[in-house]
Amino acid sequence: MSIEELTVNYTAVVIAAIAGFGAMAIMFGASYILAPKRRSELKDMPYECGIPPSPYSWSQLHVRYYIFAILFLIFDIEAVFLFPWALIFVNAIDAVFYEMLIFIAILFFGLMYGWKKGVLQWR
């Protein structure tokens, strides 16, 4: 690839970036100019929903919800890595195969640890 070809390719990228930033600037400017600006005490409150917060708005969320969410994400990401790997390396036994077995084993031991600790039991 010559310098001229690279210059042409990067010129298109620079022009697209400038056009994108210009479009963003125009949209932000139009939004600033056209948006209604009626300030009120209720709108300046947190969450700006217009409803005054109640004095007893403290509510506790149990940590178990977050643990379930994190476990879901971990095993969802495992599926994202595992399915393409299984399709690509279905007939090949390489170092990649053993690396994925190690990855699955680590996730399995993490699942067993969570199960033994009682994290997966909904109370």
Protein backbone atom coordinates (compact mmCIF):
# COMPACT_ATOMS: atom_id res chain seq x y z
CA MET A 1 0.00 0.00 0.00
CA SER A 2 1.43 3.34 -0.98
CA ILE A 3 1.31 6.62 0.90
CA GLU A 4 -1.21 8.05 -1.58
CA GLU A 5 -3.69 5.23 -0.92
CA LEU A 6 -3.34 5.65 2.84
CA THR A 7 -3.80 9.40 2.52
CA VAL A 8 -6.99 8.93 0.53
CA ASN A 9 -8.34 6.45 3.10
CA TYR A 10 -7.53 8.69 6.06
CA THR A 11 -8.88 11.74 4.28
CA ALA A 12 -12.29 10.08 4.07
CA VAL A 13 -12.12 9.24 7.79
CA VAL A 14 -11.17 12.81 8.71
CA ILE A 15 -13.94 14.26 6.54
CA ALA A 16 -16.51 11.89 8.10
CA ALA A 17 -15.29 12.81 11.61
CA ILE A 18 -15.52 16.54 10.87
CA ALA A 19 -19.02 16.10 9.40
CA GLY A 20 -20.09 14.06 12.44
CA PHE A 21 -18.78 16.58 14.96
CA GLY A 22 -20.33 19.40 12.95
CA ALA A 23 -23.71 17.66 12.93
CA MET A 24 -23.45 17.09 16.70
CA ALA A 25 -22.59 20.74 17.28
CA ILE A 26 -25.54 21.89 15.16
CA MET A 27 -27.93 19.56 17.01
CA PHE A 28 -26.70 20.63 20.44
CA GLY A 29 -26.93 24.28 19.42
CA ALA A 30 -30.45 23.86 18.05
CA SER A 31 -31.51 22.04 21.20
CA TYR A 32 -30.09 24.80 23.38
CA ILE A 33 -31.80 27.53 21.35
CA LEU A 34 -35.17 25.82 20.80
CA ALA A 35 -35.66 24.10 24.18
CA PRO A 36 -38.12 25.72 26.60
CA LYS A 37 -36.44 27.30 29.62
CA ARG A 38 -39.08 27.60 32.32
CA ARG A 39 -37.36 27.10 35.64
CA SER A 40 -39.27 26.23 38.75
CA GLU A 41 -38.46 25.04 42.24
CA LEU A 42 -40.06 21.65 41.58
CA LYS A 43 -38.05 21.08 38.42
CA ASP A 44 -34.81 21.86 40.23
CA MET A 45 -35.41 19.04 42.71
CA PRO A 46 -33.59 15.74 42.31
CA TYR A 47 -35.01 13.45 39.63
CA GLU A 48 -36.92 16.51 38.28
CA CYS A 49 -40.14 14.57 38.08
CA GLY A 50 -42.18 17.40 39.55
CA ILE A 51 -43.37 15.32 42.49
CA PRO A 52 -42.08 16.38 45.90
CA PRO A 53 -40.16 13.55 47.55
CA SER A 54 -41.66 12.01 50.65
CA PRO A 55 -39.75 12.48 53.90
CA TYR A 56 -39.34 8.71 54.31
CA SER A 57 -37.93 7.78 50.94
CA TRP A 58 -35.20 5.46 52.26
CA SER A 59 -35.62 1.92 51.06
CA GLN A 60 -33.05 -0.80 51.34
CA LEU A 61 -32.26 -3.11 48.47
CA HIS A 62 -30.88 -6.45 49.45
CA VAL A 63 -27.41 -7.31 48.19
CA ARG A 64 -28.81 -10.60 46.87
CA TYR A 65 -30.32 -8.77 43.87
CA TYR A 66 -26.90 -7.49 42.86
CA ILE A 67 -25.31 -10.91 43.32
CA PHE A 68 -27.95 -12.47 41.08
CA ALA A 69 -27.34 -9.78 38.47
CA ILE A 70 -23.57 -10.29 38.57
CA LEU A 71 -23.92 -14.06 38.30
CA PHE A 72 -26.28 -13.63 35.37
CA LEU A 73 -23.79 -11.36 33.61
CA ILE A 74 -20.92 -13.75 34.23
CA PHE A 75 -22.75 -16.72 32.74
CA ASP A 76 -24.22 -14.63 29.94
CA ILE A 77 -20.71 -13.55 28.96
CA GLU A 78 -19.64 -17.18 29.17
CA ALA A 79 -22.29 -18.03 26.60
CA VAL A 80 -21.14 -15.18 24.37
CA PHE A 81 -17.60 -16.59 24.42
CA LEU A 82 -18.56 -20.26 24.34
CA PHE A 83 -20.92 -20.44 21.35
CA PRO A 84 -18.62 -18.86 18.72
CA TRP A 85 -15.71 -20.87 20.11
CA ALA A 86 -17.69 -24.10 19.77
CA LEU A 87 -18.57 -23.32 16.17
CA ILE A 88 -15.02 -22.43 15.15
CA PHE A 89 -13.12 -25.14 17.01
CA VAL A 90 -15.59 -28.01 16.65
CA ASN A 91 -13.06 -30.23 14.84
CA ALA A 92 -9.81 -28.75 16.12
CA ILE A 93 -8.13 -29.79 19.34
CA ASP A 94 -5.50 -27.16 19.94
CA ALA A 95 -4.25 -25.12 22.85
CA VAL A 96 -7.40 -23.02 22.40
CA PHE A 97 -9.50 -26.05 23.33
CA TYR A 98 -7.67 -26.50 26.61
CA GLU A 99 -7.78 -22.78 27.36
CA MET A 100 -11.57 -22.84 26.98
CA LEU A 101 -11.77 -25.91 29.22
CA ILE A 102 -9.85 -23.97 31.87
CA PHE A 103 -12.22 -21.02 31.41
CA ILE A 104 -15.26 -23.28 31.82
CA ALA A 105 -13.69 -24.97 34.86
CA ILE A 106 -13.09 -21.61 36.55
CA LEU A 107 -16.70 -20.61 35.92
CA PHE A 108 -17.90 -24.00 37.16
CA PHE A 109 -15.94 -23.67 40.39
CA GLY A 110 -17.31 -20.15 40.82
CA LEU A 111 -20.83 -21.50 40.39
CA MET A 112 -20.18 -24.28 42.91
CA TYR A 113 -18.74 -21.76 45.37
CA GLY A 114 -21.82 -19.54 45.03
CA TRP A 115 -24.10 -22.55 45.39
CA LYS A 116 -22.29 -23.74 48.51
CA LYS A 117 -22.48 -20.25 50.05
CA GLY A 118 -26.24 -20.21 49.43
CA VAL A 119 -26.14 -17.30 47.03
CA LEU A 120 -28.40 -19.06 44.52
CA GLN A 121 -31.19 -19.72 47.02
CA TRP A 122 -33.92 -17.11 46.90
CA ARG A 123 -35.20 -16.33 50.40
